[in-house]
Amino acid sequence: MANRSSSSRRGSLKDGSKAEITAYMVTLCFISILALATRLHRLEEPDHIAWDETHFGKFASFYINRTFFFDVHPPLGKMAIALAGHLSGYNGSFAFKQPMDKYGDTPYYGMRLMCAVCGILCIPLAFLTVTELVPFTGAGLLASLIIIFGIEKEEDFVFL
């Protein structure tokens, strides 16, 4: 079995050549910009409730209005959506009854933006994780591109 010390890893920034470090950083910047572009593109569409926004928007309203409710799931994600809604001017008055209900004048963009930012941050994190595990920048790029161009960009909506 071959001995793989950290000093012999091609993907390591610590021991890499200037060209390897430059390629690594350019790739990281490229996938970060691509993540921003794909996740923020047309974030305001659709202008109606999309599936799980019914569930998470309703819980955000409960938090904003300080209404007691019971949920078996951990609250952090719903609290973050509520905070984003509160900071963007949402007052907790929208009913979130069913998918396809129009938002009208309800400021929903802030809640979607918070979820999109979390999705954006996942992409460079995936790149950094994969390039740490596999000593090849191309592997991190491939993993990031798979996430970027996945079947569904669920973080475009108020989902968790």
Protein backbone atom coordinates (compact mmCIF):
# COMPACT_ATOMS: atom_id res chain seq x y z
CA MET A 1 0.00 0.00 0.00
CA ALA A 2 1.39 3.38 -1.01
CA ASN A 3 2.12 5.91 1.67
CA ARG A 4 0.22 9.15 0.97
CA SER A 5 1.59 11.89 3.14
CA SER A 6 0.08 15.36 3.03
CA SER A 7 3.26 16.73 1.45
CA SER A 8 2.82 14.56 -1.66
CA ARG A 9 -0.78 15.58 -2.33
CA ARG A 10 -1.14 17.37 -5.66
CA GLY A 11 -4.23 19.28 -4.51
CA SER A 12 -2.66 20.72 -1.37
CA LEU A 13 -2.29 24.49 -1.42
CA LYS A 14 0.43 24.34 1.19
CA ASP A 15 2.87 22.40 -0.97
CA GLY A 16 1.54 23.22 -4.45
CA SER A 17 3.36 25.13 -7.13
CA LYS A 18 2.37 28.69 -7.96
CA ALA A 19 0.54 27.45 -11.07
CA GLU A 20 -1.44 24.87 -9.04
CA ILE A 21 -2.38 27.47 -6.43
CA THR A 22 -3.46 29.91 -9.16
CA ALA A 23 -5.56 27.24 -10.90
CA TYR A 24 -7.14 26.30 -7.57
CA MET A 25 -8.03 29.90 -6.72
CA VAL A 26 -9.31 30.69 -10.24
CA THR A 27 -11.48 27.57 -10.13
CA LEU A 28 -12.84 28.48 -6.69
CA CYS A 29 -13.67 32.03 -7.87
CA PHE A 30 -15.25 30.69 -11.08
CA ILE A 31 -17.58 28.27 -9.31
CA SER A 32 -18.47 30.92 -6.70
CA ILE A 33 -19.45 33.41 -9.41
CA LEU A 34 -21.34 30.70 -11.28
CA ALA A 35 -23.15 29.78 -8.06
CA LEU A 36 -24.17 33.42 -7.54
CA ALA A 37 -25.38 33.76 -11.12
CA THR A 38 -27.43 30.57 -11.15
CA ARG A 39 -28.92 30.86 -7.68
CA LEU A 40 -29.94 34.52 -7.88
CA HIS A 41 -31.23 34.49 -11.47
CA ARG A 42 -34.98 35.24 -11.48
CA LEU A 43 -35.26 34.60 -7.74
CA GLU A 44 -38.45 36.66 -7.60
CA GLU A 45 -40.24 34.16 -9.86
CA PRO A 46 -42.76 32.69 -9.42
CA ASP A 47 -44.77 35.42 -7.68
CA HIS A 48 -46.88 32.84 -5.90
CA ILE A 49 -46.32 30.27 -3.17
CA ALA A 50 -44.22 27.35 -4.38
CA TRP A 51 -44.79 24.05 -2.57
CA ASP A 52 -42.83 24.03 0.70
CA GLU A 53 -43.05 27.81 0.99
CA THR A 54 -46.53 27.05 2.33
CA HIS A 55 -45.02 25.16 5.26
CA PHE A 56 -41.92 27.27 5.99
CA GLY A 57 -43.62 30.60 5.36
CA LYS A 58 -46.36 29.69 7.81
CA PHE A 59 -43.81 28.85 10.51
CA ALA A 60 -41.92 32.08 9.77
CA SER A 61 -45.19 33.94 10.33
CA PHE A 62 -45.65 32.15 13.66
CA TYR A 63 -42.17 33.22 14.80
CA ILE A 64 -42.62 36.82 13.64
CA ASN A 65 -46.00 37.08 15.39
CA ARG A 66 -44.70 35.23 18.48
CA THR A 67 -47.49 32.68 18.16
CA PHE A 68 -47.05 29.39 20.01
CA PHE A 69 -46.93 26.26 17.86
CA PHE A 70 -45.51 22.78 18.12
CA ASP A 71 -43.19 21.30 15.53
CA VAL A 72 -41.20 18.09 15.87
CA HIS A 73 -38.35 19.43 13.72
CA PRO A 74 -35.44 21.57 14.94
CA PRO A 75 -36.30 25.28 14.64
CA LEU A 76 -33.08 26.86 13.32
CA GLY A 77 -33.99 26.88 9.62
CA LYS A 78 -37.47 28.24 10.21
CA MET A 79 -36.10 30.86 12.59
CA ALA A 80 -33.55 31.95 9.97
CA ILE A 81 -36.33 32.30 7.38
CA ALA A 82 -38.37 34.30 9.90
CA LEU A 83 -35.40 36.58 10.59
CA ALA A 84 -34.85 37.15 6.87
CA GLY A 85 -38.55 37.91 6.45
CA HIS A 86 -38.56 40.30 9.38
CA LEU A 87 -35.45 42.13 8.14
CA SER A 88 -36.93 42.46 4.65
CA GLY A 89 -40.18 43.99 5.87
CA TYR A 90 -42.48 40.98 6.12
CA ASN A 91 -44.83 41.44 9.08
CA GLY A 92 -46.18 37.89 9.41
CA SER A 93 -49.66 38.67 8.12
CA PHE A 94 -49.70 36.53 4.96
CA ALA A 95 -51.65 33.28 5.43
CA PHE A 96 -49.48 30.83 3.39
CA LYS A 97 -52.57 28.65 2.90
CA GLN A 98 -51.72 26.65 -0.22
CA PRO A 99 -49.30 26.52 -3.14
CA MET A 100 -50.11 28.80 -6.09
CA ASP A 101 -51.65 31.54 -3.88
CA LYS A 102 -50.36 34.91 -5.14
CA TYR A 103 -48.12 36.91 -2.83
CA GLY A 104 -49.52 40.25 -3.96
CA ASP A 105 -47.81 43.01 -1.97
CA THR A 106 -46.24 40.59 0.54
CA PRO A 107 -42.42 41.03 0.63
CA TYR A 108 -41.26 37.44 0.09
CA TYR A 109 -37.96 38.13 -1.68
CA GLY A 110 -35.90 38.37 1.53
CA MET A 111 -36.93 34.90 2.66
CA ARG A 112 -36.05 33.42 -0.73
CA LEU A 113 -32.77 35.35 -0.77
CA MET A 114 -31.69 33.90 2.59
CA CYS A 115 -32.32 30.37 1.32
CA ALA A 116 -30.52 31.15 -1.94
CA VAL A 117 -27.47 32.47 -0.05
CA CYS A 118 -27.31 29.21 1.90
CA GLY A 119 -27.43 27.33 -1.39
CA ILE A 120 -24.72 29.56 -2.86
CA LEU A 121 -22.41 28.91 0.10
CA CYS A 122 -22.85 25.14 -0.26
CA ILE A 123 -21.14 25.16 -3.66
CA PRO A 124 -17.70 26.54 -2.69
CA LEU A 125 -17.95 24.45 0.49
CA ALA A 126 -18.41 21.34 -1.66
CA PHE A 127 -15.42 22.37 -3.79
CA LEU A 128 -13.22 22.88 -0.72
CA THR A 129 -14.36 19.60 0.84
CA VAL A 130 -13.79 17.50 -2.26
CA THR A 131 -10.38 19.04 -3.03
CA GLU A 132 -9.35 18.34 0.55
CA LEU A 133 -10.43 14.70 0.24
CA VAL A 134 -9.25 14.11 -3.33
CA PRO A 135 -5.95 15.77 -4.25
CA PHE A 136 -7.19 17.05 -7.61
CA THR A 137 -8.78 20.43 -8.36
CA GLY A 138 -10.78 18.87 -11.21
CA ALA A 139 -12.63 16.63 -8.76
CA GLY A 140 -13.76 19.66 -6.76
CA LEU A 141 -14.80 21.41 -9.95
CA LEU A 142 -16.83 18.38 -11.06
CA ALA A 143 -18.56 18.10 -7.67
CA SER A 144 -19.39 21.81 -7.73
CA LEU A 145 -20.74 21.69 -11.27
CA ILE A 146 -22.93 18.71 -10.40
CA ILE A 147 -24.46 20.75 -7.58
CA ILE A 148 -24.74 23.95 -9.64
CA PHE A 149 -26.47 22.28 -12.59
CA GLY A 150 -28.53 19.84 -10.54
CA ILE A 151 -32.05 18.86 -11.51
CA GLU A 152 -33.77 21.29 -9.15
CA LYS A 153 -32.55 24.43 -7.42
CA GLU A 154 -34.73 24.14 -4.35
CA GLU A 155 -32.97 26.94 -2.50
CA ASP A 156 -34.59 29.39 -4.94
CA PHE A 157 -37.69 29.09 -2.82
CA VAL A 158 -38.41 29.28 0.89
CA PHE A 159 -37.37 25.64 1.36
CA LEU A 160 -35.04 23.84 3.71
